[in-house]
Amino acid sequence: MTEIMDDRPIPEIPIPSQLIVSLAAGPLVLGLRGLDGATQLLQEIGRASEEVFRGDRLPVLNVTPADASPPADDE
């Protein structure tokens, strides 16, 4: 059958604050290292994209001015 829980208080176990700080330090340090790595990666991507749009590697387009008349055909 169903067991009924009585209203006795659950004993609390004191957790030292040094234990909490030491357990939280690891993920915090790993998060900061990951953030630093992501920042460096994004900076490298930005530098690479600047090289693409720089202009010295783009092809030269031979465009005639719009007001120039077409060459005449001599026959």
C-alpha atoms as a PDB file:
ATOM      1  CA  MET A   1       0.000   0.000   0.000  1.00  0.00           C
ATOM      2  CA  THR A   2       0.916   3.644  -0.030  1.00  0.00           C
ATOM      3  CA  GLU A   3       3.337   4.760   2.605  1.00  0.00           C
ATOM      4  CA  ILE A   4       2.580   8.056   4.329  1.00  0.00           C
ATOM      5  CA  MET A   5       5.550  10.288   5.085  1.00  0.00           C
ATOM      6  CA  ASP A   6       5.592  11.845   8.507  1.00  0.00           C
ATOM      7  CA  ASP A   7       6.394  15.498   9.151  1.00  0.00           C
ATOM      8  CA  ARG A   8       9.805  14.982  10.653  1.00  0.00           C
ATOM      9  CA  PRO A   9      12.369  17.575   9.505  1.00  0.00           C
ATOM     10  CA  ILE A  10      15.121  16.383   7.204  1.00  0.00           C
ATOM     11  CA  PRO A  11      18.498  16.765   8.894  1.00  0.00           C
ATOM     12  CA  GLU A  12      20.619  19.363   7.149  1.00  0.00           C
ATOM     13  CA  ILE A  13      24.243  18.624   6.446  1.00  0.00           C
ATOM     14  CA  PRO A  14      26.400  21.739   6.621  1.00  0.00           C
ATOM     15  CA  ILE A  15      28.478  22.249   3.489  1.00  0.00           C
ATOM     16  CA  PRO A  16      31.663  24.234   4.021  1.00  0.00           C
ATOM     17  CA  SER A  17      31.972  27.333   1.850  1.00  0.00           C
ATOM     18  CA  GLN A  18      35.514  26.356   0.865  1.00  0.00           C
ATOM     19  CA  LEU A  19      34.136  23.191  -0.729  1.00  0.00           C
ATOM     20  CA  ILE A  20      31.590  25.183  -2.734  1.00  0.00           C
ATOM     21  CA  VAL A  21      34.243  27.647  -3.915  1.00  0.00           C
ATOM     22  CA  SER A  22      36.639  24.872  -4.894  1.00  0.00           C
ATOM     23  CA  LEU A  23      33.933  23.056  -6.873  1.00  0.00           C
ATOM     24  CA  ALA A  24      32.918  26.249  -8.682  1.00  0.00           C
ATOM     25  CA  ALA A  25      36.493  27.285  -9.548  1.00  0.00           C
ATOM     26  CA  GLY A  26      37.096  24.550 -12.130  1.00  0.00           C
ATOM     27  CA  PRO A  27      34.181  25.316 -14.442  1.00  0.00           C
ATOM     28  CA  LEU A  28      34.847  29.037 -14.080  1.00  0.00           C
ATOM     29  CA  VAL A  29      38.471  28.686 -15.190  1.00  0.00           C
ATOM     30  CA  LEU A  30      37.497  26.413 -18.081  1.00  0.00           C
ATOM     31  CA  GLY A  31      34.839  28.904 -19.174  1.00  0.00           C
ATOM     32  CA  LEU A  32      37.320  31.766 -19.171  1.00  0.00           C
ATOM     33  CA  ARG A  33      39.814  29.733 -21.200  1.00  0.00           C
ATOM     34  CA  GLY A  34      37.101  28.802 -23.689  1.00  0.00           C
ATOM     35  CA  LEU A  35      36.043  32.433 -23.988  1.00  0.00           C
ATOM     36  CA  ASP A  36      39.641  33.457 -24.644  1.00  0.00           C
ATOM     37  CA  GLY A  37      39.971  30.803 -27.340  1.00  0.00           C
ATOM     38  CA  ALA A  38      36.709  31.851 -28.981  1.00  0.00           C
ATOM     39  CA  THR A  39      37.834  35.493 -28.985  1.00  0.00           C
ATOM     40  CA  GLN A  40      41.111  34.621 -30.683  1.00  0.00           C
ATOM     41  CA  LEU A  41      39.282  32.472 -33.248  1.00  0.00           C
ATOM     42  CA  LEU A  42      36.892  35.289 -34.128  1.00  0.00           C
ATOM     43  CA  GLN A  43      39.786  37.744 -34.487  1.00  0.00           C
ATOM     44  CA  GLU A  44      41.554  35.376 -36.894  1.00  0.00           C
ATOM     45  CA  ILE A  45      38.365  34.982 -38.926  1.00  0.00           C
ATOM     46  CA  GLY A  46      38.084  38.778 -39.088  1.00  0.00           C
ATOM     47  CA  ARG A  47      41.650  39.128 -40.320  1.00  0.00           C
ATOM     48  CA  ALA A  48      41.093  36.450 -42.965  1.00  0.00           C
ATOM     49  CA  SER A  49      37.930  38.143 -44.197  1.00  0.00           C
ATOM     50  CA  GLU A  50      39.812  41.446 -44.524  1.00  0.00           C
ATOM     51  CA  GLU A  51      42.267  39.721 -46.855  1.00  0.00           C
ATOM     52  CA  VAL A  52      39.416  38.600 -49.095  1.00  0.00           C
ATOM     53  CA  PHE A  53      38.056  42.132 -49.526  1.00  0.00           C
ATOM     54  CA  ARG A  54      41.409  43.853 -49.676  1.00  0.00           C
ATOM     55  CA  GLY A  55      41.482  44.423 -53.418  1.00  0.00           C
ATOM     56  CA  ASP A  56      44.970  43.343 -54.459  1.00  0.00           C
ATOM     57  CA  ARG A  57      43.731  39.829 -55.164  1.00  0.00           C
ATOM     58  CA  LEU A  58      40.604  40.853 -57.036  1.00  0.00           C
ATOM     59  CA  PRO A  59      40.611  40.544 -60.836  1.00  0.00           C
ATOM     60  CA  VAL A  60      41.034  43.659 -62.973  1.00  0.00           C
ATOM     61  CA  LEU A  61      37.856  44.470 -64.882  1.00  0.00           C
ATOM     62  CA  ASN A  62      38.243  46.240 -68.215  1.00  0.00           C
ATOM     63  CA  VAL A  63      35.285  48.599 -68.227  1.00  0.00           C
ATOM     64  CA  THR A  64      34.854  51.353 -70.780  1.00  0.00           C
ATOM     65  CA  PRO A  65      33.367  54.667 -69.679  1.00  0.00           C
ATOM     66  CA  ALA A  66      29.618  54.988 -70.279  1.00  0.00           C
ATOM     67  CA  ASP A  67      29.937  58.184 -72.376  1.00  0.00           C
ATOM     68  CA  ALA A  68      32.406  56.683 -74.866  1.00  0.00           C
ATOM     69  CA  SER A  69      30.962  55.930 -78.302  1.00  0.00           C
ATOM     70  CA  PRO A  70      31.365  52.446 -79.763  1.00  0.00           C
ATOM     71  CA  PRO A  71      34.097  51.998 -82.358  1.00  0.00           C
ATOM     72  CA  ALA A  72      33.030  52.730 -85.954  1.00  0.00           C
ATOM     73  CA  ASP A  73      33.031  49.912 -88.509  1.00  0.00           C
ATOM     74  CA  ASP A  74      35.092  50.759 -91.600  1.00  0.00           C
ATOM     75  CA  GLU A  75      33.944  48.853 -94.703  1.00  0.00           C
END
